[in-house]
Amino acid sequence: MSTRTLCIKGADEELVDQKKYLEESCQPKCVKPLIEYQACVKRVEADNNGDKHCTGQYFDYISCVDKCVAPKLFGALK
């Protein structure tokens, strides 16, 4: 995908948030952190205490996606 295709707009078209599109394209590269997060969610749901959370695993996954998106997104902003 070329960075030149990221911002397409016409006179009567709304701008589209390209970050969401890029996040979707980067998700397959972050399968391992996603699997770890989903496994944590299952463990937490099974826990009756309510003391546990998956914040660390969630941020690992989001960080992976952001690292993939950032060069593509900010490279297109000149």
PDB file of N, CA and C in Angstrom:
ATOM      1  N   MET A   1       0.852  -1.177   0.000  1.00  0.00           N
ATOM      2  CA  MET A   1       0.000   0.000   0.000  1.00  0.00           C
ATOM      3  C   MET A   1       0.894   1.234   0.000  1.00  0.00           C
ATOM      4  N   SER A   2       0.613   2.135  -0.843  1.00  0.00           N
ATOM      5  CA  SER A   2       1.365   3.372  -0.931  1.00  0.00           C
ATOM      6  C   SER A   2       0.813   4.391   0.045  1.00  0.00           C
ATOM      7  N   THR A   3       1.709   5.211   0.609  1.00  0.00           N
ATOM      8  CA  THR A   3       1.246   6.245   1.535  1.00  0.00           C
ATOM      9  C   THR A   3       0.488   7.333   0.799  1.00  0.00           C
ATOM     10  N   ARG A   4       0.608   7.374  -0.490  1.00  0.00           N
ATOM     11  CA  ARG A   4      -0.116   8.380  -1.264  1.00  0.00           C
ATOM     12  C   ARG A   4      -1.607   8.095  -1.321  1.00  0.00           C
ATOM     13  N   THR A   5      -2.016   6.880  -1.040  1.00  0.00           N
ATOM     14  CA  THR A   5      -3.432   6.525  -1.087  1.00  0.00           C
ATOM     15  C   THR A   5      -4.124   6.719   0.254  1.00  0.00           C
ATOM     16  N   LEU A   6      -3.413   7.215   1.249  1.00  0.00           N
ATOM     17  CA  LEU A   6      -3.987   7.328   2.584  1.00  0.00           C
ATOM     18  C   LEU A   6      -5.035   8.417   2.705  1.00  0.00           C
ATOM     19  N   CYS A   7      -4.840   9.539   2.077  1.00  0.00           N
ATOM     20  CA  CYS A   7      -5.760  10.664   2.239  1.00  0.00           C
ATOM     21  C   CYS A   7      -6.439  10.958   0.914  1.00  0.00           C
ATOM     22  N   ILE A   8      -7.591  10.389   0.736  1.00  0.00           N
ATOM     23  CA  ILE A   8      -8.362  10.616  -0.481  1.00  0.00           C
ATOM     24  C   ILE A   8      -9.599  11.404  -0.094  1.00  0.00           C
ATOM     25  N   LYS A   9      -9.764  12.554  -0.710  1.00  0.00           N
ATOM     26  CA  LYS A   9     -10.955  13.349  -0.422  1.00  0.00           C
ATOM     27  C   LYS A   9     -11.351  14.109  -1.674  1.00  0.00           C
ATOM     28  N   GLY A  10     -12.610  14.331  -1.789  1.00  0.00           N
ATOM     29  CA  GLY A  10     -13.134  15.128  -2.873  1.00  0.00           C
ATOM     30  C   GLY A  10     -13.784  16.363  -2.297  1.00  0.00           C
ATOM     31  N   ALA A  11     -14.346  17.176  -3.150  1.00  0.00           N
ATOM     32  CA  ALA A  11     -14.963  18.419  -2.695  1.00  0.00           C
ATOM     33  C   ALA A  11     -16.152  18.160  -1.780  1.00  0.00           C
ATOM     34  N   ASP A  12     -16.899  17.100  -2.044  1.00  0.00           N
ATOM     35  CA  ASP A  12     -18.088  16.833  -1.241  1.00  0.00           C
ATOM     36  C   ASP A  12     -17.959  15.571  -0.380  1.00  0.00           C
ATOM     37  N   GLU A  13     -16.743  15.051  -0.220  1.00  0.00           N
ATOM     38  CA  GLU A  13     -16.530  13.852   0.583  1.00  0.00           C
ATOM     39  C   GLU A  13     -16.014  14.215   1.967  1.00  0.00           C
ATOM     40  N   GLU A  14     -16.400  13.401   2.942  1.00  0.00           N
ATOM     41  CA  GLU A  14     -15.880  13.589   4.290  1.00  0.00           C
ATOM     42  C   GLU A  14     -14.500  12.960   4.387  1.00  0.00           C
ATOM     43  N   LEU A  15     -13.678  13.506   5.258  1.00  0.00           N
ATOM     44  CA  LEU A  15     -12.378  12.908   5.516  1.00  0.00           C
ATOM     45  C   LEU A  15     -12.573  11.613   6.295  1.00  0.00           C
ATOM     46  N   VAL A  16     -11.750  10.640   6.009  1.00  0.00           N
ATOM     47  CA  VAL A  16     -11.833   9.344   6.670  1.00  0.00           C
ATOM     48  C   VAL A  16     -10.634   9.205   7.596  1.00  0.00           C
ATOM     49  N   ASP A  17     -10.884   8.738   8.814  1.00  0.00           N
ATOM     50  CA  ASP A  17      -9.807   8.532   9.773  1.00  0.00           C
ATOM     51  C   ASP A  17      -8.970   7.342   9.325  1.00  0.00           C
ATOM     52  N   GLN A  18      -7.779   7.599   8.839  1.00  0.00           N
ATOM     53  CA  GLN A  18      -6.922   6.545   8.313  1.00  0.00           C
ATOM     54  C   GLN A  18      -6.304   5.694   9.413  1.00  0.00           C
ATOM     55  N   LYS A  19      -6.264   6.211  10.632  1.00  0.00           N
ATOM     56  CA  LYS A  19      -5.675   5.449  11.735  1.00  0.00           C
ATOM     57  C   LYS A  19      -6.446   4.153  11.960  1.00  0.00           C
ATOM     58  N   LYS A  20      -7.760   4.208  11.902  1.00  0.00           N
ATOM     59  CA  LYS A  20      -8.566   2.998  12.103  1.00  0.00           C
ATOM     60  C   LYS A  20      -8.278   1.969  11.015  1.00  0.00           C
ATOM     61  N   TYR A  21      -8.161   2.424   9.788  1.00  0.00           N
ATOM     62  CA  TYR A  21      -7.854   1.527   8.676  1.00  0.00           C
ATOM     63  C   TYR A  21      -6.478   0.893   8.864  1.00  0.00           C
ATOM     64  N   LEU A  22      -5.501   1.710   9.238  1.00  0.00           N
ATOM     65  CA  LEU A  22      -4.146   1.203   9.433  1.00  0.00           C
ATOM     66  C   LEU A  22      -4.069   0.250  10.618  1.00  0.00           C
ATOM     67  N   GLU A  23      -4.834   0.534  11.678  1.00  0.00           N
ATOM     68  CA  GLU A  23      -4.859  -0.372  12.829  1.00  0.00           C
ATOM     69  C   GLU A  23      -5.365  -1.747  12.413  1.00  0.00           C
ATOM     70  N   GLU A  24      -6.393  -1.777  11.593  1.00  0.00           N
ATOM     71  CA  GLU A  24      -6.927  -3.058  11.117  1.00  0.00           C
ATOM     72  C   GLU A  24      -5.888  -3.808  10.289  1.00  0.00           C
ATOM     73  N   SER A  25      -5.124  -3.090   9.486  1.00  0.00           N
ATOM     74  CA  SER A  25      -4.116  -3.750   8.658  1.00  0.00           C
ATOM     75  C   SER A  25      -2.920  -4.217   9.482  1.00  0.00           C
ATOM     76  N   CYS A  26      -2.698  -3.619  10.656  1.00  0.00           N
ATOM     77  CA  CYS A  26      -1.566  -3.997  11.506  1.00  0.00           C
ATOM     78  C   CYS A  26      -1.912  -5.088  12.519  1.00  0.00           C
ATOM     79  N   GLN A  27      -3.169  -5.331  12.764  1.00  0.00           N
ATOM     80  CA  GLN A  27      -3.560  -6.321  13.771  1.00  0.00           C
ATOM     81  C   GLN A  27      -2.997  -7.715  13.511  1.00  0.00           C
ATOM     82  N   PRO A  28      -2.933  -8.197  12.272  1.00  0.00           N
ATOM     83  CA  PRO A  28      -2.365  -9.534  12.058  1.00  0.00           C
ATOM     84  C   PRO A  28      -0.896  -9.650  12.478  1.00  0.00           C
ATOM     85  N   LYS A  29      -0.179  -8.542  12.527  1.00  0.00           N
ATOM     86  CA  LYS A  29       1.224  -8.567  12.938  1.00  0.00           C
ATOM     87  C   LYS A  29       1.369  -8.667  14.455  1.00  0.00           C
ATOM     88  N   CYS A  30       0.279  -8.500  15.176  1.00  0.00           N
ATOM     89  CA  CYS A  30       0.314  -8.473  16.641  1.00  0.00           C
ATOM     90  C   CYS A  30      -0.518  -9.605  17.239  1.00  0.00           C
ATOM     91  N   VAL A  31      -0.459 -10.757  16.620  1.00  0.00           N
ATOM     92  CA  VAL A  31      -1.277 -11.886  17.060  1.00  0.00           C
ATOM     93  C   VAL A  31      -0.843 -12.389  18.439  1.00  0.00           C
ATOM     94  N   LYS A  32       0.457 -12.481  18.681  1.00  0.00           N
ATOM     95  CA  LYS A  32       0.928 -13.026  19.960  1.00  0.00           C
ATOM     96  C   LYS A  32       0.438 -12.198  21.150  1.00  0.00           C
ATOM     97  N   PRO A  33       0.611 -10.859  21.145  1.00  0.00           N
ATOM     98  CA  PRO A  33       0.080 -10.082  22.273  1.00  0.00           C
ATOM     99  C   PRO A  33      -1.441 -10.167  22.385  1.00  0.00           C
ATOM    100  N   LEU A  34      -2.139 -10.297  21.260  1.00  0.00           N
ATOM    101  CA  LEU A  34      -3.594 -10.425  21.292  1.00  0.00           C
ATOM    102  C   LEU A  34      -4.009 -11.738  21.956  1.00  0.00           C
ATOM    103  N   ILE A  35      -3.324 -12.819  21.613  1.00  0.00           N
ATOM    104  CA  ILE A  35      -3.636 -14.117  22.213  1.00  0.00           C
ATOM    105  C   ILE A  35      -3.377 -14.084  23.716  1.00  0.00           C
ATOM    106  N   GLU A  36      -2.279 -13.442  24.117  1.00  0.00           N
ATOM    107  CA  GLU A  36      -1.971 -13.326  25.544  1.00  0.00           C
ATOM    108  C   GLU A  36      -3.042 -12.511  26.262  1.00  0.00           C
ATOM    109  N   TYR A  37      -3.510 -11.450  25.637  1.00  0.00           N
ATOM    110  CA  TYR A  37      -4.567 -10.628  26.236  1.00  0.00           C
ATOM    111  C   TYR A  37      -5.866 -11.419  26.356  1.00  0.00           C
ATOM    112  N   GLN A  38      -6.242 -12.119  25.300  1.00  0.00           N
ATOM    113  CA  GLN A  38      -7.484 -12.897  25.330  1.00  0.00           C
ATOM    114  C   GLN A  38      -7.427 -14.005  26.377  1.00  0.00           C
ATOM    115  N   ALA A  39      -6.263 -14.642  26.538  1.00  0.00           N
ATOM    116  CA  ALA A  39      -6.109 -15.674  27.569  1.00  0.00           C
ATOM    117  C   ALA A  39      -6.251 -15.060  28.957  1.00  0.00           C
ATOM    118  N   CYS A  40      -5.701 -13.872  29.143  1.00  0.00           N
ATOM    119  CA  CYS A  40      -5.821 -13.179  30.425  1.00  0.00           C
ATOM    120  C   CYS A  40      -7.277 -12.844  30.716  1.00  0.00           C
ATOM    121  N   VAL A  41      -7.992 -12.373  29.719  1.00  0.00           N
ATOM    122  CA  VAL A  41      -9.405 -12.026  29.906  1.00  0.00           C
ATOM    123  C   VAL A  41     -10.193 -13.252  30.363  1.00  0.00           C
ATOM    124  N   LYS A  42      -9.909 -14.400  29.775  1.00  0.00           N
ATOM    125  CA  LYS A  42     -10.602 -15.630  30.186  1.00  0.00           C
ATOM    126  C   LYS A  42     -10.288 -15.978  31.636  1.00  0.00           C
ATOM    127  N   ARG A  43      -9.013 -15.817  32.027  1.00  0.00           N
ATOM    128  CA  ARG A  43      -8.641 -16.101  33.419  1.00  0.00           C
ATOM    129  C   ARG A  43      -9.338 -15.150  34.376  1.00  0.00           C
ATOM    130  N   VAL A  44      -9.400 -13.883  34.019  1.00  0.00           N
ATOM    131  CA  VAL A  44     -10.020 -12.881  34.889  1.00  0.00           C
ATOM    132  C   VAL A  44     -11.521 -13.128  35.001  1.00  0.00           C
ATOM    133  N   GLU A  45     -12.151 -13.491  33.902  1.00  0.00           N
ATOM    134  CA  GLU A  45     -13.591 -13.771  33.942  1.00  0.00           C
ATOM    135  C   GLU A  45     -13.898 -14.970  34.833  1.00  0.00           C
ATOM    136  N   ALA A  46     -12.973 -15.920  34.908  1.00  0.00           N
ATOM    137  CA  ALA A  46     -13.172 -17.100  35.741  1.00  0.00           C
ATOM    138  C   ALA A  46     -12.883 -16.815  37.215  1.00  0.00           C
ATOM    139  N   ASP A  47     -12.191 -15.706  37.492  1.00  0.00           N
ATOM    140  CA  ASP A  47     -11.840 -15.350  38.871  1.00  0.00           C
ATOM    141  C   ASP A  47     -13.020 -14.655  39.535  1.00  0.00           C
ATOM    142  N   ASN A  48     -13.411 -15.132  40.688  1.00  0.00           N
ATOM    143  CA  ASN A  48     -14.558 -14.562  41.392  1.00  0.00           C
ATOM    144  C   ASN A  48     -14.184 -13.412  42.315  1.00  0.00           C
ATOM    145  N   ASN A  49     -12.906 -13.230  42.604  1.00  0.00           N
ATOM    146  CA  ASN A  49     -12.481 -12.172  43.522  1.00  0.00           C
ATOM    147  C   ASN A  49     -12.615 -10.781  42.920  1.00  0.00           C
ATOM    148  N   GLY A  50     -12.355 -10.659  41.650  1.00  0.00           N
ATOM    149  CA  GLY A  50     -12.408  -9.354  41.002  1.00  0.00           C
ATOM    150  C   GLY A  50     -11.163  -8.526  41.242  1.00  0.00           C
ATOM    151  N   ASP A  51     -10.110  -9.160  41.758  1.00  0.00           N
ATOM    152  CA  ASP A  51      -8.873  -8.438  42.064  1.00  0.00           C
ATOM    153  C   ASP A  51      -7.909  -8.384  40.883  1.00  0.00           C
ATOM    154  N   LYS A  52      -8.115  -9.211  39.891  1.00  0.00           N
ATOM    155  CA  LYS A  52      -7.165  -9.306  38.787  1.00  0.00           C
ATOM    156  C   LYS A  52      -7.638  -8.481  37.595  1.00  0.00           C
ATOM    157  N   HIS A  53      -6.677  -8.115  36.751  1.00  0.00           N
ATOM    158  CA  HIS A  53      -6.983  -7.345  35.543  1.00  0.00           C
ATOM    159  C   HIS A  53      -5.970  -7.683  34.457  1.00  0.00           C
ATOM    160  N   CYS A  54      -6.215  -7.215  33.273  1.00  0.00           N
ATOM    161  CA  CYS A  54      -5.354  -7.510  32.120  1.00  0.00           C
ATOM    162  C   CYS A  54      -4.780  -6.237  31.502  1.00  0.00           C
ATOM    163  N   THR A  55      -4.586  -5.229  32.313  1.00  0.00           N
ATOM    164  CA  THR A  55      -4.109  -3.946  31.805  1.00  0.00           C
ATOM    165  C   THR A  55      -2.763  -4.082  31.100  1.00  0.00           C
ATOM    166  N   GLY A  56      -1.839  -4.821  31.694  1.00  0.00           N
ATOM    167  CA  GLY A  56      -0.514  -4.990  31.088  1.00  0.00           C
ATOM    168  C   GLY A  56      -0.580  -5.647  29.728  1.00  0.00           C
ATOM    169  N   GLN A  57      -1.354  -6.708  29.624  1.00  0.00           N
ATOM    170  CA  GLN A  57      -1.484  -7.418  28.350  1.00  0.00           C
ATOM    171  C   GLN A  57      -2.188  -6.552  27.308  1.00  0.00           C
ATOM    172  N   TYR A  58      -3.171  -5.774  27.763  1.00  0.00           N
ATOM    173  CA  TYR A  58      -3.879  -4.878  26.845  1.00  0.00           C
ATOM    174  C   TYR A  58      -2.917  -3.841  26.273  1.00  0.00           C
ATOM    175  N   PHE A  59      -2.102  -3.229  27.139  1.00  0.00           N
ATOM    176  CA  PHE A  59      -1.165  -2.216  26.667  1.00  0.00           C
ATOM    177  C   PHE A  59      -0.071  -2.820  25.791  1.00  0.00           C
ATOM    178  N   ASP A  60       0.331  -4.060  26.045  1.00  0.00           N
ATOM    179  CA  ASP A  60       1.297  -4.724  25.164  1.00  0.00           C
ATOM    180  C   ASP A  60       0.727  -4.862  23.753  1.00  0.00           C
ATOM    181  N   TYR A  61      -0.533  -5.246  23.668  1.00  0.00           N
ATOM    182  CA  TYR A  61      -1.186  -5.407  22.365  1.00  0.00           C
ATOM    183  C   TYR A  61      -1.338  -4.061  21.652  1.00  0.00           C
ATOM    184  N   ILE A  62      -1.850  -3.069  22.366  1.00  0.00           N
ATOM    185  CA  ILE A  62      -2.050  -1.748  21.764  1.00  0.00           C
ATOM    186  C   ILE A  62      -0.715  -1.130  21.340  1.00  0.00           C
ATOM    187  N   SER A  63       0.325  -1.330  22.141  1.00  0.00           N
ATOM    188  CA  SER A  63       1.650  -0.805  21.793  1.00  0.00           C
ATOM    189  C   SER A  63       2.173  -1.447  20.516  1.00  0.00           C
ATOM    190  N   CYS A  64       1.942  -2.732  20.362  1.00  0.00           N
ATOM    191  CA  CYS A  64       2.365  -3.433  19.149  1.00  0.00           C
ATOM    192  C   CYS A  64       1.670  -2.843  17.919  1.00  0.00           C
ATOM    193  N   VAL A  65       0.374  -2.645  18.021  1.00  0.00           N
ATOM    194  CA  VAL A  65      -0.385  -2.078  16.904  1.00  0.00           C
ATOM    195  C   VAL A  65       0.092  -0.653  16.614  1.00  0.00           C
ATOM    196  N   ASP A  66       0.278   0.139  17.659  1.00  0.00           N
ATOM    197  CA  ASP A  66       0.726   1.524  17.472  1.00  0.00           C
ATOM    198  C   ASP A  66       2.100   1.603  16.823  1.00  0.00           C
ATOM    199  N   LYS A  67       3.016   0.702  17.186  1.00  0.00           N
ATOM    200  CA  LYS A  67       4.354   0.696  16.584  1.00  0.00           C
ATOM    201  C   LYS A  67       4.281   0.402  15.089  1.00  0.00           C
ATOM    202  N   CYS A  68       3.324  -0.396  14.699  1.00  0.00           N
ATOM    203  CA  CYS A  68       3.135  -0.709  13.282  1.00  0.00           C
ATOM    204  C   CYS A  68       2.481   0.461  12.542  1.00  0.00           C
ATOM    205  N   VAL A  69       1.513   1.102  13.178  1.00  0.00           N
ATOM    206  CA  VAL A  69       0.738   2.171  12.543  1.00  0.00           C
ATOM    207  C   VAL A  69       1.541   3.464  12.411  1.00  0.00           C
ATOM    208  N   ALA A  70       2.297   3.819  13.430  1.00  0.00           N
ATOM    209  CA  ALA A  70       2.939   5.139  13.500  1.00  0.00           C
ATOM    210  C   ALA A  70       3.757   5.506  12.266  1.00  0.00           C
ATOM    211  N   PRO A  71       4.676   4.661  11.798  1.00  0.00           N
ATOM    212  CA  PRO A  71       5.466   5.075  10.630  1.00  0.00           C
ATOM    213  C   PRO A  71       4.616   5.289   9.382  1.00  0.00           C
ATOM    214  N   LYS A  72       3.579   4.487   9.232  1.00  0.00           N
ATOM    215  CA  LYS A  72       2.721   4.617   8.053  1.00  0.00           C
ATOM    216  C   LYS A  72       1.866   5.876   8.137  1.00  0.00           C
ATOM    217  N   LEU A  73       1.354   6.148   9.323  1.00  0.00           N
ATOM    218  CA  LEU A  73       0.460   7.284   9.502  1.00  0.00           C
ATOM    219  C   LEU A  73       1.223   8.602   9.448  1.00  0.00           C
ATOM    220  N   PHE A  74       2.289   8.701  10.222  1.00  0.00           N
ATOM    221  CA  PHE A  74       3.018   9.957  10.287  1.00  0.00           C
ATOM    222  C   PHE A  74       3.898  10.179   9.067  1.00  0.00           C
ATOM    223  N   GLY A  75       4.212   9.124   8.347  1.00  0.00           N
ATOM    224  CA  GLY A  75       4.934   9.272   7.096  1.00  0.00           C
ATOM    225  C   GLY A  75       4.085   9.947   6.030  1.00  0.00           C
ATOM    226  N   ALA A  76       2.768   9.789   6.141  1.00  0.00           N
ATOM    227  CA  ALA A  76       1.850  10.387   5.171  1.00  0.00           C
ATOM    228  C   ALA A  76       1.538  11.840   5.497  1.00  0.00           C
ATOM    229  N   LEU A  77       1.804  12.256   6.722  1.00  0.00           N
ATOM    230  CA  LEU A  77       1.543  13.641   7.126  1.00  0.00           C
ATOM    231  C   LEU A  77       2.783  14.477   6.861  1.00  0.00           C
ATOM    232  N   LYS A  78       2.735  15.268   5.849  1.00  0.00           N
ATOM    233  CA  LYS A  78       3.906  16.081   5.505  1.00  0.00           C
ATOM    234  C   LYS A  78       3.588  17.536   5.617  1.00  0.00           C
TER     235      LYS A  78
END
